[in-house]
Amino acid sequence: AILSSPEKRAEFAGTAFELTGPTAIDAAEIATILSAVSGRDIHHVDGMDTFSKRAQELELSDMIKGIYQEAAEGWFSKVENQEFFQLTGRYTTSFAKYAFDHASWFSAK
């Protein structure tokens, strides 16, 4: 929405937004939702050791560990529904709705 017009770009130049869904959910809740959508058991195993091991198996950069740590500390739990509405003119979508709307992406193959 901001990039759609020069006026909007000028109005919000230098501003940062944390755009979210209508509620903050954690990884265990995401796993529960994806289990329901996909028809298979998806589990979240908490802890930096487990995350580091999996990241190494996938050959991911160590930088991803910082993102995991920030998430574990609640960095991404802020909800800004009003800001999203102001910018886009529409309301946020829950992760559950998004997952069910795109169930084919998560289904067992």
PDB file of N, CA and C in Angstrom:
ATOM      1  N   ALA A   1       0.829  -1.192   0.000  1.00  0.00           N
ATOM      2  CA  ALA A   1       0.000   0.000   0.000  1.00  0.00           C
ATOM      3  C   ALA A   1       0.877   1.261   0.000  1.00  0.00           C
ATOM      4  N   ILE A   2       1.955   1.222   0.779  1.00  0.00           N
ATOM      5  CA  ILE A   2       2.832   2.396   0.849  1.00  0.00           C
ATOM      6  C   ILE A   2       3.526   2.629  -0.486  1.00  0.00           C
ATOM      7  N   LEU A   3       3.929   1.577  -1.127  1.00  0.00           N
ATOM      8  CA  LEU A   3       4.663   1.719  -2.381  1.00  0.00           C
ATOM      9  C   LEU A   3       3.764   2.074  -3.560  1.00  0.00           C
ATOM     10  N   SER A   4       2.455   2.064  -3.365  1.00  0.00           N
ATOM     11  CA  SER A   4       1.524   2.264  -4.469  1.00  0.00           C
ATOM     12  C   SER A   4       1.431   3.704  -4.955  1.00  0.00           C
ATOM     13  N   SER A   5       1.900   4.650  -4.175  1.00  0.00           N
ATOM     14  CA  SER A   5       1.815   6.037  -4.638  1.00  0.00           C
ATOM     15  C   SER A   5       2.977   6.857  -4.077  1.00  0.00           C
ATOM     16  N   PRO A   6       3.421   7.864  -4.839  1.00  0.00           N
ATOM     17  CA  PRO A   6       4.495   8.739  -4.347  1.00  0.00           C
ATOM     18  C   PRO A   6       4.103   9.461  -3.065  1.00  0.00           C
ATOM     19  N   GLU A   7       2.827   9.824  -2.935  1.00  0.00           N
ATOM     20  CA  GLU A   7       2.369  10.522  -1.731  1.00  0.00           C
ATOM     21  C   GLU A   7       2.516   9.638  -0.493  1.00  0.00           C
ATOM     22  N   LYS A   8       2.114   8.364  -0.621  1.00  0.00           N
ATOM     23  CA  LYS A   8       2.235   7.423   0.501  1.00  0.00           C
ATOM     24  C   LYS A   8       3.708   7.191   0.829  1.00  0.00           C
ATOM     25  N   ARG A   9       4.545   7.037  -0.191  1.00  0.00           N
ATOM     26  CA  ARG A   9       5.982   6.831   0.068  1.00  0.00           C
ATOM     27  C   ARG A   9       6.559   8.015   0.822  1.00  0.00           C
ATOM     28  N   ALA A  10       6.190   9.222   0.439  1.00  0.00           N
ATOM     29  CA  ALA A  10       6.693  10.425   1.116  1.00  0.00           C
ATOM     30  C   ALA A  10       6.155  10.500   2.544  1.00  0.00           C
ATOM     31  N   GLU A  11       4.883  10.172   2.714  1.00  0.00           N
ATOM     32  CA  GLU A  11       4.257  10.251   4.032  1.00  0.00           C
ATOM     33  C   GLU A  11       4.917   9.313   5.037  1.00  0.00           C
ATOM     34  N   PHE A  12       5.320   8.135   4.591  1.00  0.00           N
ATOM     35  CA  PHE A  12       5.860   7.134   5.505  1.00  0.00           C
ATOM     36  C   PHE A  12       7.368   6.911   5.356  1.00  0.00           C
ATOM     37  N   ALA A  13       8.055   7.801   4.650  1.00  0.00           N
ATOM     38  CA  ALA A  13       9.504   7.652   4.462  1.00  0.00           C
ATOM     39  C   ALA A  13      10.206   7.569   5.817  1.00  0.00           C
ATOM     40  N   GLY A  14      11.063   6.585   5.975  1.00  0.00           N
ATOM     41  CA  GLY A  14      11.834   6.418   7.194  1.00  0.00           C
ATOM     42  C   GLY A  14      11.085   5.774   8.348  1.00  0.00           C
ATOM     43  N   THR A  15       9.860   5.356   8.110  1.00  0.00           N
ATOM     44  CA  THR A  15       9.047   4.733   9.151  1.00  0.00           C
ATOM     45  C   THR A  15       9.107   3.219   9.020  1.00  0.00           C
ATOM     46  N   ALA A  16       9.175   2.539  10.134  1.00  0.00           N
ATOM     47  CA  ALA A  16       9.176   1.073  10.129  1.00  0.00           C
ATOM     48  C   ALA A  16       7.902   0.566  10.783  1.00  0.00           C
ATOM     49  N   PHE A  17       7.385  -0.543  10.276  1.00  0.00           N
ATOM     50  CA  PHE A  17       6.173  -1.137  10.816  1.00  0.00           C
ATOM     51  C   PHE A  17       6.406  -2.610  11.083  1.00  0.00           C
ATOM     52  N   GLU A  18       5.832  -3.105  12.153  1.00  0.00           N
ATOM     53  CA  GLU A  18       5.818  -4.533  12.429  1.00  0.00           C
ATOM     54  C   GLU A  18       4.404  -5.000  12.144  1.00  0.00           C
ATOM     55  N   LEU A  19       4.174  -5.521  10.952  1.00  0.00           N
ATOM     56  CA  LEU A  19       2.842  -5.929  10.554  1.00  0.00           C
ATOM     57  C   LEU A  19       2.621  -7.378  10.953  1.00  0.00           C
ATOM     58  N   THR A  20       1.489  -7.621  11.597  1.00  0.00           N
ATOM     59  CA  THR A  20       1.235  -8.922  12.198  1.00  0.00           C
ATOM     60  C   THR A  20      -0.168  -9.392  11.884  1.00  0.00           C
ATOM     61  N   GLY A  21      -0.486 -10.552  12.391  1.00  0.00           N
ATOM     62  CA  GLY A  21      -1.852 -11.037  12.362  1.00  0.00           C
ATOM     63  C   GLY A  21      -2.615 -10.450  13.531  1.00  0.00           C
ATOM     64  N   PRO A  22      -3.869 -10.859  13.700  1.00  0.00           N
ATOM     65  CA  PRO A  22      -4.701 -10.270  14.751  1.00  0.00           C
ATOM     66  C   PRO A  22      -4.310 -10.690  16.170  1.00  0.00           C
ATOM     67  N   THR A  23      -3.580 -11.777  16.308  1.00  0.00           N
ATOM     68  CA  THR A  23      -3.122 -12.221  17.624  1.00  0.00           C
ATOM     69  C   THR A  23      -1.713 -12.772  17.495  1.00  0.00           C
ATOM     70  N   ALA A  24      -0.983 -12.735  18.595  1.00  0.00           N
ATOM     71  CA  ALA A  24       0.354 -13.326  18.628  1.00  0.00           C
ATOM     72  C   ALA A  24       0.201 -14.802  18.983  1.00  0.00           C
ATOM     73  N   ILE A  25       0.838 -15.668  18.214  1.00  0.00           N
ATOM     74  CA  ILE A  25       0.811 -17.092  18.519  1.00  0.00           C
ATOM     75  C   ILE A  25       2.242 -17.606  18.589  1.00  0.00           C
ATOM     76  N   ASP A  26       2.424 -18.699  19.304  1.00  0.00           N
ATOM     77  CA  ASP A  26       3.770 -19.248  19.425  1.00  0.00           C
ATOM     78  C   ASP A  26       3.942 -20.450  18.501  1.00  0.00           C
ATOM     79  N   ALA A  27       5.142 -20.984  18.491  1.00  0.00           N
ATOM     80  CA  ALA A  27       5.474 -22.079  17.580  1.00  0.00           C
ATOM     81  C   ALA A  27       4.644 -23.331  17.852  1.00  0.00           C
ATOM     82  N   ALA A  28       4.331 -23.595  19.104  1.00  0.00           N
ATOM     83  CA  ALA A  28       3.504 -24.763  19.425  1.00  0.00           C
ATOM     84  C   ALA A  28       2.104 -24.600  18.837  1.00  0.00           C
ATOM     85  N   GLU A  29       1.553 -23.384  18.900  1.00  0.00           N
ATOM     86  CA  GLU A  29       0.237 -23.135  18.314  1.00  0.00           C
ATOM     87  C   GLU A  29       0.284 -23.259  16.786  1.00  0.00           C
ATOM     88  N   ILE A  30       1.360 -22.794  16.183  1.00  0.00           N
ATOM     89  CA  ILE A  30       1.525 -22.934  14.736  1.00  0.00           C
ATOM     90  C   ILE A  30       1.559 -24.411  14.365  1.00  0.00           C
ATOM     91  N   ALA A  31       2.282 -25.208  15.126  1.00  0.00           N
ATOM     92  CA  ALA A  31       2.359 -26.652  14.858  1.00  0.00           C
ATOM     93  C   ALA A  31       0.983 -27.301  14.976  1.00  0.00           C
ATOM     94  N   THR A  32       0.203 -26.906  15.967  1.00  0.00           N
ATOM     95  CA  THR A  32      -1.145 -27.453  16.141  1.00  0.00           C
ATOM     96  C   THR A  32      -2.025 -27.112  14.941  1.00  0.00           C
ATOM     97  N   ILE A  33      -1.970 -25.877  14.506  1.00  0.00           N
ATOM     98  CA  ILE A  33      -2.756 -25.446  13.347  1.00  0.00           C
ATOM     99  C   ILE A  33      -2.323 -26.204  12.095  1.00  0.00           C
ATOM    100  N   LEU A  34      -1.018 -26.295  11.874  1.00  0.00           N
ATOM    101  CA  LEU A  34      -0.534 -26.990  10.686  1.00  0.00           C
ATOM    102  C   LEU A  34      -0.843 -28.480  10.733  1.00  0.00           C
ATOM    103  N   SER A  35      -0.896 -29.067  11.914  1.00  0.00           N
ATOM    104  CA  SER A  35      -1.306 -30.464  12.046  1.00  0.00           C
ATOM    105  C   SER A  35      -2.746 -30.637  11.573  1.00  0.00           C
ATOM    106  N   ALA A  36      -3.617 -29.739  12.007  1.00  0.00           N
ATOM    107  CA  ALA A  36      -5.027 -29.814  11.610  1.00  0.00           C
ATOM    108  C   ALA A  36      -5.195 -29.613  10.109  1.00  0.00           C
ATOM    109  N   VAL A  37      -4.456 -28.679   9.558  1.00  0.00           N
ATOM    110  CA  VAL A  37      -4.571 -28.362   8.140  1.00  0.00           C
ATOM    111  C   VAL A  37      -3.990 -29.461   7.256  1.00  0.00           C
ATOM    112  N   SER A  38      -2.857 -29.998   7.658  1.00  0.00           N
ATOM    113  CA  SER A  38      -2.130 -30.948   6.809  1.00  0.00           C
ATOM    114  C   SER A  38      -2.588 -32.392   6.959  1.00  0.00           C
ATOM    115  N   GLY A  39      -3.263 -32.697   8.058  1.00  0.00           N
ATOM    116  CA  GLY A  39      -3.675 -34.074   8.293  1.00  0.00           C
ATOM    117  C   GLY A  39      -2.542 -34.964   8.765  1.00  0.00           C
ATOM    118  N   ARG A  40      -1.489 -34.356   9.277  1.00  0.00           N
ATOM    119  CA  ARG A  40      -0.367 -35.129   9.812  1.00  0.00           C
ATOM    120  C   ARG A  40       0.108 -34.458  11.087  1.00  0.00           C
ATOM    121  N   ASP A  41       0.817 -35.213  11.912  1.00  0.00           N
ATOM    122  CA  ASP A  41       1.321 -34.652  13.163  1.00  0.00           C
ATOM    123  C   ASP A  41       2.547 -33.797  12.905  1.00  0.00           C
ATOM    124  N   ILE A  42       2.456 -32.561  13.334  1.00  0.00           N
ATOM    125  CA  ILE A  42       3.587 -31.639  13.252  1.00  0.00           C
ATOM    126  C   ILE A  42       3.850 -31.184  14.678  1.00  0.00           C
ATOM    127  N   HIS A  43       5.070 -31.333  15.120  1.00  0.00           N
ATOM    128  CA  HIS A  43       5.432 -31.010  16.497  1.00  0.00           C
ATOM    129  C   HIS A  43       6.483 -29.914  16.516  1.00  0.00           C
ATOM    130  N   HIS A  44       6.383 -29.072  17.511  1.00  0.00           N
ATOM    131  CA  HIS A  44       7.435 -28.090  17.758  1.00  0.00           C
ATOM    132  C   HIS A  44       8.246 -28.576  18.946  1.00  0.00           C
ATOM    133  N   VAL A  45       9.534 -28.703  18.739  1.00  0.00           N
ATOM    134  CA  VAL A  45      10.432 -29.085  19.823  1.00  0.00           C
ATOM    135  C   VAL A  45      11.210 -27.828  20.190  1.00  0.00           C
ATOM    136  N   ASP A  46      10.988 -27.360  21.397  1.00  0.00           N
ATOM    137  CA  ASP A  46      11.568 -26.097  21.827  1.00  0.00           C
ATOM    138  C   ASP A  46      13.020 -26.276  22.250  1.00  0.00           C
ATOM    139  N   GLY A  47      13.778 -25.224  22.142  1.00  0.00           N
ATOM    140  CA  GLY A  47      15.144 -25.202  22.661  1.00  0.00           C
ATOM    141  C   GLY A  47      16.183 -24.901  21.597  1.00  0.00           C
ATOM    142  N   MET A  48      17.159 -24.093  21.989  1.00  0.00           N
ATOM    143  CA  MET A  48      18.214 -23.673  21.073  1.00  0.00           C
ATOM    144  C   MET A  48      19.053 -24.851  20.594  1.00  0.00           C
ATOM    145  N   ASP A  49      19.317 -25.833  21.448  1.00  0.00           N
ATOM    146  CA  ASP A  49      20.125 -26.985  21.026  1.00  0.00           C
ATOM    147  C   ASP A  49      19.449 -27.737  19.886  1.00  0.00           C
ATOM    148  N   THR A  50      18.156 -27.991  20.034  1.00  0.00           N
ATOM    149  CA  THR A  50      17.407 -28.691  18.989  1.00  0.00           C
ATOM    150  C   THR A  50      17.366 -27.858  17.719  1.00  0.00           C
ATOM    151  N   PHE A  51      17.122 -26.570  17.868  1.00  0.00           N
ATOM    152  CA  PHE A  51      17.073 -25.682  16.711  1.00  0.00           C
ATOM    153  C   PHE A  51      18.423 -25.647  15.997  1.00  0.00           C
ATOM    154  N   SER A  52      19.501 -25.521  16.751  1.00  0.00           N
ATOM    155  CA  SER A  52      20.844 -25.464  16.160  1.00  0.00           C
ATOM    156  C   SER A  52      21.169 -26.735  15.385  1.00  0.00           C
ATOM    157  N   LYS A  53      20.819 -27.869  15.961  1.00  0.00           N
ATOM    158  CA  LYS A  53      21.071 -29.140  15.295  1.00  0.00           C
ATOM    159  C   LYS A  53      20.317 -29.211  13.965  1.00  0.00           C
ATOM    160  N   ARG A  54      19.042 -28.826  13.983  1.00  0.00           N
ATOM    161  CA  ARG A  54      18.238 -28.869  12.756  1.00  0.00           C
ATOM    162  C   ARG A  54      18.747 -27.863  11.731  1.00  0.00           C
ATOM    163  N   ALA A  55      19.129 -26.683  12.175  1.00  0.00           N
ATOM    164  CA  ALA A  55      19.670 -25.674  11.269  1.00  0.00           C
ATOM    165  C   ALA A  55      20.946 -26.179  10.600  1.00  0.00           C
ATOM    166  N   GLN A  56      21.764 -26.873  11.364  1.00  0.00           N
ATOM    167  CA  GLN A  56      22.999 -27.439  10.812  1.00  0.00           C
ATOM    168  C   GLN A  56      22.676 -28.524   9.780  1.00  0.00           C
ATOM    169  N   GLU A  57      21.695 -29.377  10.086  1.00  0.00           N
ATOM    170  CA  GLU A  57      21.281 -30.423   9.139  1.00  0.00           C
ATOM    171  C   GLU A  57      20.814 -29.819   7.816  1.00  0.00           C
ATOM    172  N   LEU A  58      20.150 -28.684   7.891  1.00  0.00           N
ATOM    173  CA  LEU A  58      19.634 -28.010   6.698  1.00  0.00           C
ATOM    174  C   LEU A  58      20.659 -27.077   6.064  1.00  0.00           C
ATOM    175  N   GLU A  59      21.849 -27.013   6.659  1.00  0.00           N
ATOM    176  CA  GLU A  59      22.948 -26.166   6.179  1.00  0.00           C
ATOM    177  C   GLU A  59      22.553 -24.689   6.139  1.00  0.00           C
ATOM    178  N   LEU A  60      21.856 -24.255   7.190  1.00  0.00           N
ATOM    179  CA  LEU A  60      21.455 -22.860   7.298  1.00  0.00           C
ATOM    180  C   LEU A  60      22.544 -22.044   7.973  1.00  0.00           C
ATOM    181  N   SER A  61      22.575 -20.786   7.654  1.00  0.00           N
ATOM    182  CA  SER A  61      23.536 -19.868   8.252  1.00  0.00           C
ATOM    183  C   SER A  61      23.320 -19.779   9.756  1.00  0.00           C
ATOM    184  N   ASP A  62      24.380 -19.545  10.496  1.00  0.00           N
ATOM    185  CA  ASP A  62      24.279 -19.340  11.938  1.00  0.00           C
ATOM    186  C   ASP A  62      23.438 -18.113  12.287  1.00  0.00           C
ATOM    187  N   MET A  63      23.280 -17.212  11.328  1.00  0.00           N
ATOM    188  CA  MET A  63      22.485 -16.013  11.561  1.00  0.00           C
ATOM    189  C   MET A  63      21.043 -16.376  11.948  1.00  0.00           C
ATOM    190  N   ILE A  64      20.531 -17.488  11.443  1.00  0.00           N
ATOM    191  CA  ILE A  64      19.162 -17.907  11.741  1.00  0.00           C
ATOM    192  C   ILE A  64      18.977 -18.159  13.236  1.00  0.00           C
ATOM    193  N   LYS A  65      20.036 -18.502  13.931  1.00  0.00           N
ATOM    194  CA  LYS A  65      19.943 -18.730  15.374  1.00  0.00           C
ATOM    195  C   LYS A  65      19.556 -17.451  16.107  1.00  0.00           C
ATOM    196  N   GLY A  66      20.028 -16.317  15.620  1.00  0.00           N
ATOM    197  CA  GLY A  66      19.668 -15.041  16.229  1.00  0.00           C
ATOM    198  C   GLY A  66      18.185 -14.751  16.085  1.00  0.00           C
ATOM    199  N   ILE A  67      17.631 -15.080  14.929  1.00  0.00           N
ATOM    200  CA  ILE A  67      16.201 -14.883  14.700  1.00  0.00           C
ATOM    201  C   ILE A  67      15.402 -15.795  15.618  1.00  0.00           C
ATOM    202  N   TYR A  68      15.843 -17.052  15.762  1.00  0.00           N
ATOM    203  CA  TYR A  68      15.164 -17.987  16.660  1.00  0.00           C
ATOM    204  C   TYR A  68      15.202 -17.456  18.091  1.00  0.00           C
ATOM    205  N   GLN A  69      16.337 -16.968  18.516  1.00  0.00           N
ATOM    206  CA  GLN A  69      16.479 -16.456  19.880  1.00  0.00           C
ATOM    207  C   GLN A  69      15.560 -15.263  20.103  1.00  0.00           C
ATOM    208  N   GLU A  70      15.505 -14.357  19.122  1.00  0.00           N
ATOM    209  CA  GLU A  70      14.615 -13.207  19.250  1.00  0.00           C
ATOM    210  C   GLU A  70      13.153 -13.644  19.345  1.00  0.00           C
ATOM    211  N   ALA A  71      12.774 -14.630  18.552  1.00  0.00           N
ATOM    212  CA  ALA A  71      11.400 -15.145  18.609  1.00  0.00           C
ATOM    213  C   ALA A  71      11.128 -15.766  19.974  1.00  0.00           C
ATOM    214  N   ALA A  72      12.085 -16.525  20.479  1.00  0.00           N
ATOM    215  CA  ALA A  72      11.921 -17.177  21.788  1.00  0.00           C
ATOM    216  C   ALA A  72      11.771 -16.136  22.901  1.00  0.00           C
ATOM    217  N   GLU A  73      12.364 -14.983  22.720  1.00  0.00           N
ATOM    218  CA  GLU A  73      12.285 -13.915  23.718  1.00  0.00           C
ATOM    219  C   GLU A  73      11.049 -13.033  23.537  1.00  0.00           C
ATOM    220  N   GLY A  74      10.204 -13.368  22.558  1.00  0.00           N
ATOM    221  CA  GLY A  74       8.976 -12.615  22.351  1.00  0.00           C
ATOM    222  C   GLY A  74       9.079 -11.432  21.419  1.00  0.00           C
ATOM    223  N   TRP A  75      10.186 -11.304  20.717  1.00  0.00           N
ATOM    224  CA  TRP A  75      10.419 -10.154  19.841  1.00  0.00           C
ATOM    225  C   TRP A  75       9.298  -9.980  18.812  1.00  0.00           C
ATOM    226  N   PHE A  76       8.739 -11.071  18.304  1.00  0.00           N
ATOM    227  CA  PHE A  76       7.736 -10.993  17.241  1.00  0.00           C
ATOM    228  C   PHE A  76       6.312 -11.102  17.768  1.00  0.00           C
ATOM    229  N   SER A  77       6.106 -10.904  19.051  1.00  0.00           N
ATOM    230  CA  SER A  77       4.781 -11.095  19.633  1.00  0.00           C
ATOM    231  C   SER A  77       3.931  -9.818  19.652  1.00  0.00           C
ATOM    232  N   LYS A  78       4.475  -8.730  19.202  1.00  0.00           N
ATOM    233  CA  LYS A  78       3.731  -7.483  19.167  1.00  0.00           C
ATOM    234  C   LYS A  78       2.622  -7.572  18.107  1.00  0.00           C
ATOM    235  N   VAL A  79       1.457  -7.052  18.419  1.00  0.00           N
ATOM    236  CA  VAL A  79       0.330  -7.056  17.491  1.00  0.00           C
ATOM    237  C   VAL A  79      -0.050  -5.605  17.209  1.00  0.00           C
ATOM    238  N   GLU A  80      -0.094  -5.260  15.922  1.00  0.00           N
ATOM    239  CA  GLU A  80      -0.424  -3.889  15.526  1.00  0.00           C
ATOM    240  C   GLU A  80      -1.545  -3.909  14.492  1.00  0.00           C
ATOM    241  N   ASN A  81      -2.736  -4.274  14.909  1.00  0.00           N
ATOM    242  CA  ASN A  81      -3.856  -4.352  13.978  1.00  0.00           C
ATOM    243  C   ASN A  81      -4.247  -2.995  13.396  1.00  0.00           C
ATOM    244  N   GLN A  82      -4.268  -1.969  14.231  1.00  0.00           N
ATOM    245  CA  GLN A  82      -4.699  -0.657  13.754  1.00  0.00           C
ATOM    246  C   GLN A  82      -3.749  -0.111  12.697  1.00  0.00           C
ATOM    247  N   GLU A  83      -2.456  -0.279  12.893  1.00  0.00           N
ATOM    248  CA  GLU A  83      -1.482   0.195  11.917  1.00  0.00           C
ATOM    249  C   GLU A  83      -1.670  -0.521  10.584  1.00  0.00           C
ATOM    250  N   PHE A  84      -1.922  -1.823  10.643  1.00  0.00           N
ATOM    251  CA  PHE A  84      -2.149  -2.579   9.411  1.00  0.00           C
ATOM    252  C   PHE A  84      -3.370  -2.032   8.679  1.00  0.00           C
ATOM    253  N   PHE A  85      -4.445  -1.798   9.408  1.00  0.00           N
ATOM    254  CA  PHE A  85      -5.657  -1.271   8.793  1.00  0.00           C
ATOM    255  C   PHE A  85      -5.406   0.109   8.190  1.00  0.00           C
ATOM    256  N   GLN A  86      -4.682   0.965   8.910  1.00  0.00           N
ATOM    257  CA  GLN A  86      -4.381   2.301   8.392  1.00  0.00           C
ATOM    258  C   GLN A  86      -3.604   2.233   7.083  1.00  0.00           C
ATOM    259  N   LEU A  87      -2.682   1.303   6.994  1.00  0.00           N
ATOM    260  CA  LEU A  87      -1.837   1.205   5.804  1.00  0.00           C
ATOM    261  C   LEU A  87      -2.528   0.538   4.624  1.00  0.00           C
ATOM    262  N   THR A  88      -3.342  -0.467   4.900  1.00  0.00           N
ATOM    263  CA  THR A  88      -3.888  -1.282   3.804  1.00  0.00           C
ATOM    264  C   THR A  88      -5.382  -1.090   3.574  1.00  0.00           C
ATOM    265  N   GLY A  89      -6.091  -0.573   4.582  1.00  0.00           N
ATOM    266  CA  GLY A  89      -7.528  -0.433   4.454  1.00  0.00           C
ATOM    267  C   GLY A  89      -8.275  -1.741   4.660  1.00  0.00           C
ATOM    268  N   ARG A  90      -7.597  -2.742   5.176  1.00  0.00           N
ATOM    269  CA  ARG A  90      -8.257  -4.023   5.462  1.00  0.00           C
ATOM    270  C   ARG A  90      -7.723  -4.566   6.782  1.00  0.00           C
ATOM    271  N   TYR A  91      -8.423  -5.546   7.292  1.00  0.00           N
ATOM    272  CA  TYR A  91      -8.045  -6.129   8.578  1.00  0.00           C
ATOM    273  C   TYR A  91      -7.061  -7.283   8.394  1.00  0.00           C
ATOM    274  N   THR A  92      -6.364  -7.588   9.452  1.00  0.00           N
ATOM    275  CA  THR A  92      -5.385  -8.670   9.411  1.00  0.00           C
ATOM    276  C   THR A  92      -6.087 -10.024   9.327  1.00  0.00           C
ATOM    277  N   THR A  93      -5.328 -11.023   8.907  1.00  0.00           N
ATOM    278  CA  THR A  93      -5.820 -12.390   8.780  1.00  0.00           C
ATOM    279  C   THR A  93      -5.096 -13.257   9.794  1.00  0.00           C
ATOM    280  N   SER A  94      -5.818 -14.126  10.456  1.00  0.00           N
ATOM    281  CA  SER A  94      -5.170 -15.015  11.418  1.00  0.00           C
ATOM    282  C   SER A  94      -4.319 -16.052  10.696  1.00  0.00           C
ATOM    283  N   PHE A  95      -3.339 -16.586  11.411  1.00  0.00           N
ATOM    284  CA  PHE A  95      -2.519 -17.637  10.823  1.00  0.00           C
ATOM    285  C   PHE A  95      -3.372 -18.855  10.491  1.00  0.00           C
ATOM    286  N   ALA A  96      -4.346 -19.167  11.343  1.00  0.00           N
ATOM    287  CA  ALA A  96      -5.217 -20.327  11.092  1.00  0.00           C
ATOM    288  C   ALA A  96      -5.982 -20.147   9.785  1.00  0.00           C
ATOM    289  N   LYS A  97      -6.548 -18.984   9.554  1.00  0.00           N
ATOM    290  CA  LYS A  97      -7.275 -18.739   8.299  1.00  0.00           C
ATOM    291  C   LYS A  97      -6.326 -18.847   7.116  1.00  0.00           C
ATOM    292  N   TYR A  98      -5.164 -18.230   7.246  1.00  0.00           N
ATOM    293  CA  TYR A  98      -4.164 -18.312   6.172  1.00  0.00           C
ATOM    294  C   TYR A  98      -3.819 -19.773   5.876  1.00  0.00           C
ATOM    295  N   ALA A  99      -3.565 -20.548   6.909  1.00  0.00           N
ATOM    296  CA  ALA A  99      -3.191 -21.948   6.722  1.00  0.00           C
ATOM    297  C   ALA A  99      -4.316 -22.743   6.066  1.00  0.00           C
ATOM    298  N   PHE A 100      -5.536 -22.560   6.540  1.00  0.00           N
ATOM    299  CA  PHE A 100      -6.666 -23.284   5.943  1.00  0.00           C
ATOM    300  C   PHE A 100      -6.929 -22.822   4.517  1.00  0.00           C
ATOM    301  N   ASP A 101      -6.768 -21.540   4.246  1.00  0.00           N
ATOM    302  CA  ASP A 101      -6.955 -21.030   2.887  1.00  0.00           C
ATOM    303  C   ASP A 101      -5.918 -21.585   1.916  1.00  0.00           C
ATOM    304  N   HIS A 102      -4.764 -21.964   2.446  1.00  0.00           N
ATOM    305  CA  HIS A 102      -3.671 -22.485   1.612  1.00  0.00           C
ATOM    306  C   HIS A 102      -3.316 -23.913   2.016  1.00  0.00           C
ATOM    307  N   ALA A 103      -4.306 -24.680   2.373  1.00  0.00           N
ATOM    308  CA  ALA A 103      -4.105 -26.036   2.897  1.00  0.00           C
ATOM    309  C   ALA A 103      -3.284 -26.908   1.959  1.00  0.00           C
ATOM    310  N   SER A 104      -3.418 -26.735   0.675  1.00  0.00           N
ATOM    311  CA  SER A 104      -2.685 -27.585  -0.269  1.00  0.00           C
ATOM    312  C   SER A 104      -1.177 -27.410  -0.116  1.00  0.00           C
ATOM    313  N   TRP A 105      -0.742 -26.264   0.352  1.00  0.00           N
ATOM    314  CA  TRP A 105       0.691 -26.045   0.564  1.00  0.00           C
ATOM    315  C   TRP A 105       1.232 -26.871   1.716  1.00  0.00           C
ATOM    316  N   PHE A 106       0.371 -27.204   2.671  1.00  0.00           N
ATOM    317  CA  PHE A 106       0.794 -27.877   3.879  1.00  0.00           C
ATOM    318  C   PHE A 106       0.388 -29.348   3.946  1.00  0.00           C
ATOM    319  N   SER A 107      -0.409 -29.783   3.004  1.00  0.00           N
ATOM    320  CA  SER A 107      -0.927 -31.153   3.032  1.00  0.00           C
ATOM    321  C   SER A 107       0.167 -32.161   2.812  1.00  0.00           C
ATOM    322  N   ALA A 108      -0.040 -33.352   3.417  1.00  0.00           N
ATOM    323  CA  ALA A 108       0.898 -34.460   3.216  1.00  0.00           C
ATOM    324  C   ALA A 108       0.874 -34.843   1.749  1.00  0.00           C
ATOM    325  N   LYS A 109       2.018 -35.063   1.190  1.00  0.00           N
ATOM    326  CA  LYS A 109       2.110 -35.401  -0.245  1.00  0.00           C
ATOM    327  C   LYS A 109       2.433 -36.857  -0.410  1.00  0.00           C
TER     328      LYS A 109
END
